Amino acid sequence: MSENLKVLNNIRSLRVQARELSFKTLEEILEKFKVIVTERCAEEKVKDAEISQRAEKVNKLRQLMLEDGIDPAELYEFSAVQPKPKKERARPAKYQYTDDNGETKTWTGQGRTPKFLAGHVANGGTLDEFLIR
């Protein structure tokens, strides 16, 4: 909160500041505040009306669905985000290997060398043994 708003929000500070102003200036400030409060009140009423209209529409739709034998909870099943299918690789796999856990995996030959293949090469093996032909 800015210092000006802190002064406006504290009655003692506001009184101190008001002593420095003329009565006419205080009346002008009061009129401006009244305009602002009136505008804000109108905005809040519009917001409340929109919320109540939306609630009415939702209740009407819910009632129509129940009359047709549709449970509104069923909508969630149909609208749930479906998982995206895995994208195909831009490059085909070049090497295929079975790791220590027995899982068959592939590697395109780009990026960091998988630990299993790096260990195999470090122990004197070659990547050619895992080439996909």
N, C-alpha and C. Protein backbone atom coordinates (compact mmCIF):
# COMPACT_ATOMS: atom_id res chain seq x y z
N MET A 1 0.85 -1.16 0.00
CA MET A 1 0.00 0.00 0.00
C MET A 1 0.90 1.23 0.00
N SER A 2 0.58 2.18 -0.84
CA SER A 2 1.41 3.38 -0.93
C SER A 2 1.23 4.25 0.32
N GLU A 3 2.16 5.15 0.51
CA GLU A 3 2.10 6.04 1.68
C GLU A 3 0.84 6.90 1.66
N ASN A 4 0.43 7.34 0.47
CA ASN A 4 -0.78 8.17 0.38
C ASN A 4 -2.01 7.39 0.84
N LEU A 5 -2.10 6.15 0.45
CA LEU A 5 -3.25 5.35 0.87
C LEU A 5 -3.19 5.03 2.35
N LYS A 6 -2.02 4.88 2.90
CA LYS A 6 -1.90 4.66 4.34
C LYS A 6 -2.42 5.87 5.10
N VAL A 7 -2.11 7.06 4.60
CA VAL A 7 -2.60 8.29 5.24
C VAL A 7 -4.12 8.34 5.16
N LEU A 8 -4.68 8.01 4.00
CA LEU A 8 -6.14 8.05 3.84
C LEU A 8 -6.84 7.01 4.70
N ASN A 9 -6.17 5.93 5.00
CA ASN A 9 -6.78 4.84 5.75
C ASN A 9 -6.65 5.03 7.27
N ASN A 10 -5.86 5.99 7.70
CA ASN A 10 -5.65 6.22 9.13
C ASN A 10 -6.28 7.56 9.51
N ILE A 11 -7.24 7.53 10.42
CA ILE A 11 -7.99 8.75 10.76
C ILE A 11 -7.10 9.83 11.37
N ARG A 12 -6.13 9.45 12.18
CA ARG A 12 -5.26 10.45 12.79
C ARG A 12 -4.41 11.15 11.73
N SER A 13 -3.81 10.34 10.85
CA SER A 13 -2.99 10.93 9.79
C SER A 13 -3.84 11.79 8.87
N LEU A 14 -5.05 11.35 8.61
CA LEU A 14 -5.95 12.10 7.74
C LEU A 14 -6.31 13.44 8.37
N ARG A 15 -6.54 13.46 9.68
CA ARG A 15 -6.85 14.73 10.37
C ARG A 15 -5.67 15.70 10.28
N VAL A 16 -4.46 15.17 10.46
CA VAL A 16 -3.28 16.02 10.38
C VAL A 16 -3.17 16.63 8.99
N GLN A 17 -3.37 15.82 7.96
CA GLN A 17 -3.29 16.32 6.59
C GLN A 17 -4.42 17.30 6.29
N ALA A 18 -5.61 17.04 6.84
CA ALA A 18 -6.76 17.90 6.57
C ALA A 18 -6.59 19.28 7.18
N ARG A 19 -5.85 19.40 8.28
CA ARG A 19 -5.61 20.70 8.91
C ARG A 19 -4.85 21.65 7.99
N GLU A 20 -4.07 21.07 7.09
CA GLU A 20 -3.26 21.90 6.18
C GLU A 20 -4.07 22.40 4.99
N LEU A 21 -5.29 21.86 4.81
CA LEU A 21 -6.12 22.24 3.65
C LEU A 21 -7.22 23.20 4.06
N SER A 22 -7.68 23.96 3.08
CA SER A 22 -8.82 24.85 3.34
C SER A 22 -10.10 24.02 3.35
N PHE A 23 -11.14 24.62 3.94
CA PHE A 23 -12.42 23.91 4.00
C PHE A 23 -12.98 23.66 2.61
N LYS A 24 -12.80 24.62 1.71
CA LYS A 24 -13.31 24.48 0.34
C LYS A 24 -12.61 23.30 -0.36
N THR A 25 -11.32 23.18 -0.16
CA THR A 25 -10.58 22.07 -0.78
C THR A 25 -11.05 20.73 -0.22
N LEU A 26 -11.31 20.69 1.09
CA LEU A 26 -11.82 19.45 1.70
C LEU A 26 -13.17 19.06 1.11
N GLU A 27 -14.04 20.05 0.86
CA GLU A 27 -15.34 19.76 0.26
C GLU A 27 -15.18 19.22 -1.16
N GLU A 28 -14.24 19.78 -1.92
CA GLU A 28 -13.98 19.29 -3.28
C GLU A 28 -13.49 17.84 -3.26
N ILE A 29 -12.60 17.56 -2.31
CA ILE A 29 -12.08 16.18 -2.17
C ILE A 29 -13.21 15.23 -1.82
N LEU A 30 -14.09 15.68 -0.92
CA LEU A 30 -15.23 14.85 -0.52
C LEU A 30 -16.13 14.54 -1.71
N GLU A 31 -16.40 15.52 -2.54
CA GLU A 31 -17.24 15.31 -3.72
C GLU A 31 -16.59 14.30 -4.68
N LYS A 32 -15.30 14.42 -4.85
CA LYS A 32 -14.59 13.48 -5.72
C LYS A 32 -14.65 12.06 -5.17
N PHE A 33 -14.51 11.95 -3.85
CA PHE A 33 -14.62 10.62 -3.24
C PHE A 33 -16.02 10.05 -3.40
N LYS A 34 -17.03 10.90 -3.29
CA LYS A 34 -18.41 10.44 -3.47
C LYS A 34 -18.60 9.89 -4.88
N VAL A 35 -18.05 10.57 -5.88
CA VAL A 35 -18.16 10.11 -7.27
C VAL A 35 -17.49 8.75 -7.42
N ILE A 36 -16.30 8.63 -6.84
CA ILE A 36 -15.56 7.36 -6.94
C ILE A 36 -16.33 6.23 -6.27
N VAL A 37 -16.87 6.49 -5.09
CA VAL A 37 -17.62 5.46 -4.36
C VAL A 37 -18.88 5.07 -5.12
N THR A 38 -19.56 6.05 -5.71
CA THR A 38 -20.77 5.77 -6.49
C THR A 38 -20.43 4.90 -7.70
N GLU A 39 -19.35 5.25 -8.41
CA GLU A 39 -18.94 4.44 -9.57
C GLU A 39 -18.60 3.02 -9.13
N ARG A 40 -17.86 2.89 -8.06
CA ARG A 40 -17.44 1.57 -7.57
C ARG A 40 -18.65 0.74 -7.16
N CYS A 41 -19.64 1.40 -6.53
CA CYS A 41 -20.87 0.72 -6.12
C CYS A 41 -21.61 0.18 -7.35
N ALA A 42 -21.69 0.99 -8.40
CA ALA A 42 -22.36 0.57 -9.63
C ALA A 42 -21.63 -0.62 -10.25
N GLU A 43 -20.29 -0.58 -10.26
CA GLU A 43 -19.51 -1.71 -10.80
C GLU A 43 -19.77 -2.99 -10.02
N GLU A 44 -19.84 -2.88 -8.71
CA GLU A 44 -20.08 -4.06 -7.87
C GLU A 44 -21.47 -4.63 -8.13
N LYS A 45 -22.46 -3.75 -8.31
CA LYS A 45 -23.82 -4.22 -8.60
C LYS A 45 -23.87 -4.97 -9.92
N VAL A 46 -23.16 -4.45 -10.93
CA VAL A 46 -23.11 -5.12 -12.24
C VAL A 46 -22.46 -6.49 -12.10
N LYS A 47 -21.36 -6.55 -11.35
CA LYS A 47 -20.68 -7.83 -11.14
C LYS A 47 -21.58 -8.83 -10.45
N ASP A 48 -22.26 -8.38 -9.40
CA ASP A 48 -23.16 -9.26 -8.65
C ASP A 48 -24.29 -9.76 -9.55
N ALA A 49 -24.81 -8.88 -10.40
CA ALA A 49 -25.89 -9.28 -11.31
C ALA A 49 -25.40 -10.33 -12.30
N GLU A 50 -24.19 -10.15 -12.83
CA GLU A 50 -23.63 -11.13 -13.76
C GLU A 50 -23.44 -12.48 -13.08
N ILE A 51 -22.97 -12.47 -11.85
CA ILE A 51 -22.75 -13.72 -11.12
C ILE A 51 -24.07 -14.42 -10.87
N SER A 52 -25.09 -13.66 -10.49
CA SER A 52 -26.39 -14.30 -10.22
C SER A 52 -27.02 -14.83 -11.51
N GLN A 53 -26.86 -14.09 -12.63
CA GLN A 53 -27.38 -14.59 -13.90
C GLN A 53 -26.69 -15.88 -14.30
N ARG A 54 -25.40 -15.93 -14.12
CA ARG A 54 -24.64 -17.14 -14.45
C ARG A 54 -25.08 -18.31 -13.58
N ALA A 55 -25.30 -18.06 -12.30
CA ALA A 55 -25.75 -19.11 -11.39
C ALA A 55 -27.13 -19.62 -11.81
N GLU A 56 -28.01 -18.71 -12.22
CA GLU A 56 -29.33 -19.11 -12.69
C GLU A 56 -29.22 -20.01 -13.92
N LYS A 57 -28.38 -19.61 -14.87
CA LYS A 57 -28.20 -20.41 -16.08
C LYS A 57 -27.66 -21.80 -15.75
N VAL A 58 -26.69 -21.85 -14.86
CA VAL A 58 -26.12 -23.15 -14.48
C VAL A 58 -27.18 -24.02 -13.83
N ASN A 59 -27.98 -23.43 -12.95
CA ASN A 59 -29.04 -24.20 -12.29
C ASN A 59 -30.08 -24.69 -13.28
N LYS A 60 -30.44 -23.86 -14.27
CA LYS A 60 -31.39 -24.28 -15.29
C LYS A 60 -30.84 -25.46 -16.10
N LEU A 61 -29.58 -25.33 -16.52
CA LEU A 61 -28.96 -26.42 -17.28
C LEU A 61 -28.88 -27.69 -16.45
N ARG A 62 -28.52 -27.55 -15.20
CA ARG A 62 -28.43 -28.72 -14.31
C ARG A 62 -29.80 -29.40 -14.19
N GLN A 63 -30.84 -28.58 -14.02
CA GLN A 63 -32.19 -29.13 -13.89
C GLN A 63 -32.61 -29.85 -15.17
N LEU A 64 -32.30 -29.25 -16.34
CA LEU A 64 -32.63 -29.89 -17.62
C LEU A 64 -31.91 -31.23 -17.76
N MET A 65 -30.66 -31.25 -17.35
CA MET A 65 -29.89 -32.49 -17.44
C MET A 65 -30.48 -33.56 -16.54
N LEU A 66 -30.85 -33.18 -15.33
CA LEU A 66 -31.43 -34.16 -14.41
C LEU A 66 -32.77 -34.68 -14.93
N GLU A 67 -33.55 -33.80 -15.57
CA GLU A 67 -34.83 -34.22 -16.15
C GLU A 67 -34.61 -35.22 -17.28
N ASP A 68 -33.49 -35.07 -18.01
CA ASP A 68 -33.19 -35.99 -19.10
C ASP A 68 -32.44 -37.22 -18.62
N GLY A 69 -32.22 -37.33 -17.32
CA GLY A 69 -31.55 -38.50 -16.77
C GLY A 69 -30.04 -38.47 -16.88
N ILE A 70 -29.48 -37.31 -17.01
CA ILE A 70 -28.03 -37.17 -17.12
C ILE A 70 -27.50 -36.62 -15.81
N ASP A 71 -26.56 -37.33 -15.23
CA ASP A 71 -25.92 -36.85 -14.01
C ASP A 71 -24.85 -35.83 -14.41
N PRO A 72 -24.88 -34.61 -13.87
CA PRO A 72 -23.88 -33.61 -14.24
C PRO A 72 -22.44 -34.07 -14.04
N ALA A 73 -22.22 -35.01 -13.13
CA ALA A 73 -20.86 -35.52 -12.91
C ALA A 73 -20.36 -36.29 -14.13
N GLU A 74 -21.28 -36.80 -14.95
CA GLU A 74 -20.88 -37.53 -16.15
C GLU A 74 -20.17 -36.62 -17.15
N LEU A 75 -20.47 -35.34 -17.13
CA LEU A 75 -19.83 -34.41 -18.05
C LEU A 75 -18.33 -34.40 -17.87
N TYR A 76 -17.89 -34.56 -16.65
CA TYR A 76 -16.46 -34.54 -16.38
C TYR A 76 -15.75 -35.66 -17.13
N GLU A 77 -16.38 -36.82 -17.18
CA GLU A 77 -15.77 -37.96 -17.87
C GLU A 77 -15.52 -37.65 -19.35
N PHE A 78 -16.46 -36.95 -19.97
CA PHE A 78 -16.35 -36.65 -21.39
C PHE A 78 -15.47 -35.44 -21.67
N SER A 79 -15.34 -34.56 -20.70
CA SER A 79 -14.56 -33.36 -20.94
C SER A 79 -13.14 -33.46 -20.39
N ALA A 80 -12.83 -34.55 -19.71
CA ALA A 80 -11.49 -34.70 -19.14
C ALA A 80 -10.46 -34.64 -20.26
N VAL A 81 -9.37 -34.01 -19.98
CA VAL A 81 -8.31 -33.85 -20.97
C VAL A 81 -7.72 -35.22 -21.30
N GLN A 82 -7.75 -35.56 -22.56
CA GLN A 82 -7.20 -36.83 -23.00
C GLN A 82 -5.69 -36.69 -23.13
N PRO A 83 -4.95 -37.71 -22.72
CA PRO A 83 -3.49 -37.61 -22.85
C PRO A 83 -3.10 -37.52 -24.33
N LYS A 84 -2.12 -36.71 -24.59
CA LYS A 84 -1.66 -36.54 -25.96
C LYS A 84 -0.88 -37.79 -26.38
N PRO A 85 -1.09 -38.22 -27.61
CA PRO A 85 -0.30 -39.36 -28.06
C PRO A 85 1.17 -38.96 -28.15
N LYS A 86 2.04 -39.93 -27.91
CA LYS A 86 3.46 -39.64 -27.97
C LYS A 86 3.84 -39.26 -29.40
N LYS A 87 4.68 -38.25 -29.49
CA LYS A 87 5.15 -37.81 -30.79
C LYS A 87 6.19 -38.80 -31.30
N GLU A 88 6.16 -38.98 -32.59
CA GLU A 88 7.19 -39.83 -33.17
C GLU A 88 8.49 -39.06 -33.16
N ARG A 89 9.56 -39.79 -33.04
CA ARG A 89 10.87 -39.15 -33.02
C ARG A 89 11.15 -38.50 -34.36
N ALA A 90 11.85 -37.38 -34.28
CA ALA A 90 12.26 -36.70 -35.51
C ALA A 90 13.33 -37.52 -36.22
N ARG A 91 14.13 -38.24 -35.43
CA ARG A 91 15.17 -39.10 -35.99
C ARG A 91 14.87 -40.54 -35.58
N PRO A 92 15.10 -41.45 -36.46
CA PRO A 92 14.87 -42.85 -36.08
C PRO A 92 15.96 -43.32 -35.10
N ALA A 93 15.60 -44.31 -34.29
CA ALA A 93 16.57 -44.85 -33.36
C ALA A 93 17.67 -45.57 -34.13
N LYS A 94 18.90 -45.42 -33.66
CA LYS A 94 20.05 -46.02 -34.33
C LYS A 94 20.57 -47.24 -33.56
N TYR A 95 20.41 -47.19 -32.22
CA TYR A 95 20.91 -48.27 -31.38
C TYR A 95 19.78 -48.81 -30.51
N GLN A 96 19.83 -50.13 -30.26
CA GLN A 96 18.85 -50.75 -29.38
C GLN A 96 19.63 -51.61 -28.40
N TYR A 97 19.25 -51.55 -27.13
CA TYR A 97 19.96 -52.31 -26.10
C TYR A 97 18.98 -52.69 -25.00
N THR A 98 19.38 -53.65 -24.20
CA THR A 98 18.61 -54.06 -23.04
C THR A 98 19.41 -53.66 -21.80
N ASP A 99 18.81 -52.78 -20.97
CA ASP A 99 19.56 -52.26 -19.83
C ASP A 99 19.62 -53.28 -18.69
N ASP A 100 20.21 -52.88 -17.57
CA ASP A 100 20.40 -53.77 -16.42
C ASP A 100 19.07 -54.25 -15.83
N ASN A 101 18.00 -53.49 -16.02
CA ASN A 101 16.69 -53.87 -15.49
C ASN A 101 15.93 -54.78 -16.44
N GLY A 102 16.50 -55.10 -17.56
CA GLY A 102 15.86 -55.97 -18.54
C GLY A 102 14.93 -55.24 -19.49
N GLU A 103 14.93 -53.92 -19.47
CA GLU A 103 14.07 -53.14 -20.36
C GLU A 103 14.79 -52.88 -21.68
N THR A 104 14.07 -53.06 -22.77
CA THR A 104 14.64 -52.78 -24.08
C THR A 104 14.46 -51.30 -24.37
N LYS A 105 15.55 -50.64 -24.70
CA LYS A 105 15.53 -49.20 -24.96
C LYS A 105 16.26 -48.91 -26.26
N THR A 106 15.99 -47.69 -26.78
CA THR A 106 16.65 -47.29 -28.01
C THR A 106 17.32 -45.94 -27.79
N TRP A 107 18.28 -45.62 -28.68
CA TRP A 107 19.00 -44.36 -28.63
C TRP A 107 19.28 -43.93 -30.06
N THR A 108 19.10 -42.64 -30.35
CA THR A 108 19.30 -42.14 -31.72
C THR A 108 20.76 -41.92 -32.06
N GLY A 109 21.62 -41.91 -31.06
CA GLY A 109 23.02 -41.64 -31.30
C GLY A 109 23.36 -40.19 -31.06
N GLN A 110 22.36 -39.40 -30.70
CA GLN A 110 22.59 -37.99 -30.40
C GLN A 110 22.30 -37.73 -28.93
N GLY A 111 22.95 -36.70 -28.42
CA GLY A 111 22.75 -36.37 -27.02
C GLY A 111 23.65 -37.22 -26.14
N ARG A 112 23.37 -37.18 -24.84
CA ARG A 112 24.19 -37.90 -23.89
C ARG A 112 24.04 -39.41 -24.10
N THR A 113 25.16 -40.11 -24.06
CA THR A 113 25.14 -41.56 -24.23
C THR A 113 24.52 -42.19 -22.99
N PRO A 114 23.55 -43.10 -23.16
CA PRO A 114 22.96 -43.75 -22.01
C PRO A 114 24.02 -44.44 -21.16
N LYS A 115 23.79 -44.50 -19.84
CA LYS A 115 24.78 -45.08 -18.91
C LYS A 115 25.16 -46.50 -19.30
N PHE A 116 24.17 -47.29 -19.69
CA PHE A 116 24.46 -48.67 -20.03
C PHE A 116 25.45 -48.75 -21.20
N LEU A 117 25.18 -47.97 -22.25
CA LEU A 117 26.06 -47.99 -23.43
C LEU A 117 27.42 -47.39 -23.10
N ALA A 118 27.45 -46.31 -22.31
CA ALA A 118 28.72 -45.70 -21.94
C ALA A 118 29.57 -46.68 -21.14
N GLY A 119 28.94 -47.42 -20.23
CA GLY A 119 29.66 -48.42 -19.45
C GLY A 119 30.20 -49.54 -20.33
N HIS A 120 29.39 -49.97 -21.30
CA HIS A 120 29.80 -51.03 -22.21
C HIS A 120 31.03 -50.60 -23.02
N VAL A 121 31.00 -49.36 -23.54
CA VAL A 121 32.13 -48.85 -24.32
C VAL A 121 33.36 -48.68 -23.42
N ALA A 122 33.16 -48.24 -22.18
CA ALA A 122 34.28 -48.06 -21.25
C ALA A 122 34.95 -49.39 -20.92
N ASN A 123 34.20 -50.48 -21.00
CA ASN A 123 34.75 -51.81 -20.72
C ASN A 123 35.30 -52.49 -21.96
N GLY A 124 35.46 -51.73 -23.05
CA GLY A 124 36.09 -52.27 -24.24
C GLY A 124 35.12 -52.68 -25.34
N GLY A 125 33.83 -52.51 -25.16
CA GLY A 125 32.85 -52.86 -26.18
C GLY A 125 32.73 -51.75 -27.22
N THR A 126 31.93 -52.00 -28.24
CA THR A 126 31.69 -50.98 -29.26
C THR A 126 30.20 -50.74 -29.41
N LEU A 127 29.87 -49.57 -29.92
CA LEU A 127 28.46 -49.25 -30.16
C LEU A 127 27.91 -50.04 -31.34
N ASP A 128 28.80 -50.48 -32.22
CA ASP A 128 28.35 -51.24 -33.39
C ASP A 128 27.60 -52.51 -33.01
N GLU A 129 27.88 -53.03 -31.82
CA GLU A 129 27.19 -54.25 -31.37
C GLU A 129 25.71 -54.00 -31.16
N PHE A 130 25.30 -52.74 -30.96
CA PHE A 130 23.91 -52.43 -30.67
C PHE A 130 23.20 -51.75 -31.83
N LEU A 131 23.84 -51.67 -32.98
CA LEU A 131 23.21 -51.04 -34.15
C LEU A 131 21.95 -51.77 -34.54
N ILE A 132 20.92 -51.00 -34.91
CA ILE A 132 19.68 -51.58 -35.42
C ILE A 132 19.89 -51.74 -36.93
N ARG A 133 19.70 -52.94 -37.42
CA ARG A 133 19.94 -53.19 -38.85
C ARG A 133 18.66 -53.41 -39.59
